[in-house]
Structure formats: structure tokens, C-alpha cells
């Protein structure tokens, strides 16, 4: 199948804003790469990343992409935002989560290095 419907069928990543009052969809942003967790701020922004390393800031009312950067690796975890002297910051982690190394049956191709945990003198080290 070719054409616009074919392209839309392959959009697995989605960010969707839903009105808490009406339950109606306010806006939707779709992309090919799977979208990961999001964080909304009191300043009208929604931050989110995807499995390809793209990290975006969306306008919470329109869904417009206001800013985007490629961080070079998946953006799997939770983001945090904070303000200092009236300026808002966002912090994000990147990379493949270590728990994927432990899921050999689910994703054997994702196994990289064995996870080693060593305890000594009351400290635990992960290598």
C-alpha cells in the first residue's frame, strides 16, 4: 500500500494531549520512532524523547515542536525540570537502560556486557 495512509500506518510514536474536562483530544503529534516518557511543566511546555535520541519541547496548547535536539542515543527515563532565579531548566538521561541487559529472553540482541555487582566492605559496586 502506498500513499499518505501507508506513511501514517507506520507512525508508532505518539504524543497526545487530552482535555481533563471534556476527554477530547486537543492535539496529537505522531512520528515513526517510539515515544518514551514525558514531563509537563507549569510554564506551558511538554518535554519528551524517543528511541532514536530525539528530545523535543512541545507547546502544551498546540503541540507545536518549539525546540528539538538529537542526543545520539535513546531517551528512556524520566525527565525533571527545575527553576533557578526564574529560569527553567530540564535534565534528561540518555542511553540504553541496563535492565535490557538482563532481559535475554525478551531481547537477546540487546545483550551487551554482563552486569556485575560486587559488594565489599559495606559498599556495592556495579560494573
C-alpha atoms as a PDB file:
ATOM      1  CA  UNK A   1       0.000   0.000   0.000  1.00  0.00           C
ATOM      2  CA  UNK A   2       1.406   3.385  -0.956  1.00  0.00           C
ATOM      3  CA  UNK A   3       0.406   6.952  -0.276  1.00  0.00           C
ATOM      4  CA  UNK A   4      -0.306   9.032   2.821  1.00  0.00           C
ATOM      5  CA  UNK A   5      -2.190   6.247   4.639  1.00  0.00           C
ATOM      6  CA  UNK A   6       0.826   3.950   4.327  1.00  0.00           C
ATOM      7  CA  UNK A   7       3.099   6.543   5.936  1.00  0.00           C
ATOM      8  CA  UNK A   8       0.590   7.116   8.740  1.00  0.00           C
ATOM      9  CA  UNK A   9       0.276   3.372   9.426  1.00  0.00           C
ATOM     10  CA  UNK A  10       3.979   3.260  10.308  1.00  0.00           C
ATOM     11  CA  UNK A  11       3.824   6.060  12.891  1.00  0.00           C
ATOM     12  CA  UNK A  12       4.284   4.211  16.179  1.00  0.00           C
ATOM     13  CA  UNK A  13       5.348   7.174  18.311  1.00  0.00           C
ATOM     14  CA  UNK A  14       2.596   9.435  19.539  1.00  0.00           C
ATOM     15  CA  UNK A  15       2.202  12.327  21.955  1.00  0.00           C
ATOM     16  CA  UNK A  16      -1.417  13.188  22.568  1.00  0.00           C
ATOM     17  CA  UNK A  17      -2.948  15.927  24.698  1.00  0.00           C
ATOM     18  CA  UNK A  18      -6.374  15.143  26.136  1.00  0.00           C
ATOM     19  CA  UNK A  19      -8.624  17.648  27.883  1.00  0.00           C
ATOM     20  CA  UNK A  20      -9.262  16.671  31.503  1.00  0.00           C
ATOM     21  CA  UNK A  21     -12.639  18.469  31.372  1.00  0.00           C
ATOM     22  CA  UNK A  22     -14.047  17.010  28.153  1.00  0.00           C
ATOM     23  CA  UNK A  23     -11.935  13.947  27.403  1.00  0.00           C
ATOM     24  CA  UNK A  24     -11.462  15.209  23.856  1.00  0.00           C
ATOM     25  CA  UNK A  25      -8.108  15.160  22.097  1.00  0.00           C
ATOM     26  CA  UNK A  26      -6.650  18.675  21.939  1.00  0.00           C
ATOM     27  CA  UNK A  27      -3.723  17.756  19.677  1.00  0.00           C
ATOM     28  CA  UNK A  28      -1.648  14.806  18.506  1.00  0.00           C
ATOM     29  CA  UNK A  29       1.982  14.588  17.405  1.00  0.00           C
ATOM     30  CA  UNK A  30       2.939  11.402  15.535  1.00  0.00           C
ATOM     31  CA  UNK A  31       6.303  10.133  14.377  1.00  0.00           C
ATOM     32  CA  UNK A  32       7.873   6.895  13.205  1.00  0.00           C
ATOM     33  CA  UNK A  33      10.078   6.326  16.285  1.00  0.00           C
ATOM     34  CA  UNK A  34       8.532   5.123  19.520  1.00  0.00           C
ATOM     35  CA  UNK A  35       7.928   7.943  22.012  1.00  0.00           C
ATOM     36  CA  UNK A  36       9.114   7.464  25.583  1.00  0.00           C
ATOM     37  CA  UNK A  37       8.114   9.204  28.836  1.00  0.00           C
ATOM     38  CA  UNK A  38       7.079  12.856  29.004  1.00  0.00           C
ATOM     39  CA  UNK A  39       7.020  15.663  31.542  1.00  0.00           C
ATOM     40  CA  UNK A  40       4.733  18.713  31.503  1.00  0.00           C
ATOM     41  CA  UNK A  41       5.753  21.979  33.115  1.00  0.00           C
ATOM     42  CA  UNK A  42       3.848  24.845  34.666  1.00  0.00           C
ATOM     43  CA  UNK A  43       5.434  27.071  32.016  1.00  0.00           C
ATOM     44  CA  UNK A  44       3.386  25.585  29.180  1.00  0.00           C
ATOM     45  CA  UNK A  45       5.938  23.094  27.852  1.00  0.00           C
ATOM     46  CA  UNK A  46       5.882  19.331  27.417  1.00  0.00           C
ATOM     47  CA  UNK A  47       9.291  17.629  27.130  1.00  0.00           C
ATOM     48  CA  UNK A  48       9.756  14.178  25.670  1.00  0.00           C
ATOM     49  CA  UNK A  49      12.224  11.935  23.926  1.00  0.00           C
ATOM     50  CA  UNK A  50      12.224   8.869  21.726  1.00  0.00           C
ATOM     51  CA  UNK A  51      14.182   5.715  20.986  1.00  0.00           C
ATOM     52  CA  UNK A  52      16.257   7.419  18.265  1.00  0.00           C
ATOM     53  CA  UNK A  53      17.612  10.076  20.643  1.00  0.00           C
ATOM     54  CA  UNK A  54      15.426  12.997  19.626  1.00  0.00           C
ATOM     55  CA  UNK A  55      14.453  15.201  22.557  1.00  0.00           C
ATOM     56  CA  UNK A  56      11.741  17.812  21.999  1.00  0.00           C
ATOM     57  CA  UNK A  57       9.900  20.636  23.703  1.00  0.00           C
ATOM     58  CA  UNK A  58       6.240  20.912  22.693  1.00  0.00           C
ATOM     59  CA  UNK A  59       3.847  23.791  23.247  1.00  0.00           C
ATOM     60  CA  UNK A  60       1.250  22.296  25.627  1.00  0.00           C
ATOM     61  CA  UNK A  61      -1.685  24.075  23.949  1.00  0.00           C
ATOM     62  CA  UNK A  62      -0.906  23.476  20.259  1.00  0.00           C
ATOM     63  CA  UNK A  63       1.509  20.540  20.151  1.00  0.00           C
ATOM     64  CA  UNK A  64       3.926  22.563  18.027  1.00  0.00           C
ATOM     65  CA  UNK A  65       7.558  21.483  18.358  1.00  0.00           C
ATOM     66  CA  UNK A  66       9.315  24.524  19.832  1.00  0.00           C
ATOM     67  CA  UNK A  67      12.773  23.006  20.167  1.00  0.00           C
ATOM     68  CA  UNK A  68      14.468  19.741  19.200  1.00  0.00           C
ATOM     69  CA  UNK A  69      17.908  18.168  19.594  1.00  0.00           C
ATOM     70  CA  UNK A  70      19.360  14.751  18.730  1.00  0.00           C
ATOM     71  CA  UNK A  71      21.127  13.446  21.847  1.00  0.00           C
ATOM     72  CA  UNK A  72      22.606  10.491  19.967  1.00  0.00           C
ATOM     73  CA  UNK A  73      21.081   7.661  21.983  1.00  0.00           C
ATOM     74  CA  UNK A  74      17.641   6.664  23.318  1.00  0.00           C
ATOM     75  CA  UNK A  75      15.958   8.941  25.845  1.00  0.00           C
ATOM     76  CA  UNK A  76      14.328   6.257  28.018  1.00  0.00           C
ATOM     77  CA  UNK A  77      13.996   7.649  31.502  1.00  0.00           C
ATOM     78  CA  UNK A  78      12.176  10.318  33.338  1.00  0.00           C
ATOM     79  CA  UNK A  79      12.946  13.958  32.841  1.00  0.00           C
ATOM     80  CA  UNK A  80      12.981  16.565  35.553  1.00  0.00           C
ATOM     81  CA  UNK A  81      12.561  20.307  35.367  1.00  0.00           C
ATOM     82  CA  UNK A  82      13.546  22.876  37.919  1.00  0.00           C
ATOM     83  CA  UNK A  83      13.914  26.646  38.123  1.00  0.00           C
ATOM     84  CA  UNK A  84      16.715  28.808  39.466  1.00  0.00           C
ATOM     85  CA  UNK A  85      16.279  32.579  39.688  1.00  0.00           C
ATOM     86  CA  UNK A  86      13.253  32.463  37.402  1.00  0.00           C
ATOM     87  CA  UNK A  87      14.972  30.425  34.670  1.00  0.00           C
ATOM     88  CA  UNK A  88      13.628  26.942  33.877  1.00  0.00           C
ATOM     89  CA  UNK A  89      15.979  24.000  33.242  1.00  0.00           C
ATOM     90  CA  UNK A  90      15.373  20.425  32.117  1.00  0.00           C
ATOM     91  CA  UNK A  91      17.570  17.416  32.876  1.00  0.00           C
ATOM     92  CA  UNK A  92      17.348  14.127  30.997  1.00  0.00           C
ATOM     93  CA  UNK A  93      19.215  10.845  30.949  1.00  0.00           C
ATOM     94  CA  UNK A  94      20.130   9.048  27.725  1.00  0.00           C
ATOM     95  CA  UNK A  95      21.370   5.633  26.687  1.00  0.00           C
ATOM     96  CA  UNK A  96      20.140   2.080  26.759  1.00  0.00           C
ATOM     97  CA  UNK A  97      18.716   1.134  30.161  1.00  0.00           C
ATOM     98  CA  UNK A  98      20.785  -1.521  31.945  1.00  0.00           C
ATOM     99  CA  UNK A  99      17.677  -3.632  32.637  1.00  0.00           C
ATOM    100  CA  UNK A 100      17.665  -4.542  28.932  1.00  0.00           C
ATOM    101  CA  UNK A 101      20.918  -6.432  29.521  1.00  0.00           C
ATOM    102  CA  UNK A 102      19.029  -8.681  31.936  1.00  0.00           C
ATOM    103  CA  UNK A 103      16.107  -9.495  29.625  1.00  0.00           C
ATOM    104  CA  UNK A 104      17.829 -12.115  27.500  1.00  0.00           C
ATOM    105  CA  UNK A 105      14.650 -13.975  26.573  1.00  0.00           C
ATOM    106  CA  UNK A 106      12.824 -10.816  25.542  1.00  0.00           C
ATOM    107  CA  UNK A 107      15.649  -9.119  23.661  1.00  0.00           C
ATOM    108  CA  UNK A 108      18.748 -11.324  23.249  1.00  0.00           C
ATOM    109  CA  UNK A 109      20.129  -8.984  20.580  1.00  0.00           C
ATOM    110  CA  UNK A 110      20.258  -6.147  23.155  1.00  0.00           C
ATOM    111  CA  UNK A 111      22.675  -8.005  25.451  1.00  0.00           C
ATOM    112  CA  UNK A 112      25.964  -6.117  25.555  1.00  0.00           C
ATOM    113  CA  UNK A 113      28.045  -6.837  28.637  1.00  0.00           C
ATOM    114  CA  UNK A 114      27.099  -8.924  31.652  1.00  0.00           C
ATOM    115  CA  UNK A 115      26.005  -6.874  34.638  1.00  0.00           C
ATOM    116  CA  UNK A 116      28.383  -7.494  37.539  1.00  0.00           C
ATOM    117  CA  UNK A 117      27.578  -6.457  41.079  1.00  0.00           C
ATOM    118  CA  UNK A 118      30.290  -6.677  43.716  1.00  0.00           C
ATOM    119  CA  UNK A 119      29.816  -5.935  47.399  1.00  0.00           C
ATOM    120  CA  UNK A 120      32.827  -5.151  49.561  1.00  0.00           C
ATOM    121  CA  UNK A 121      33.114  -3.521  52.988  1.00  0.00           C
ATOM    122  CA  UNK A 122      29.548  -2.320  53.015  1.00  0.00           C
ATOM    123  CA  UNK A 123      29.650  -0.806  49.507  1.00  0.00           C
ATOM    124  CA  UNK A 124      28.059  -2.162  46.388  1.00  0.00           C
ATOM    125  CA  UNK A 125      29.642  -1.535  43.008  1.00  0.00           C
ATOM    126  CA  UNK A 126      28.014  -2.137  39.652  1.00  0.00           C
ATOM    127  CA  UNK A 127      30.280  -2.675  36.685  1.00  0.00           C
END
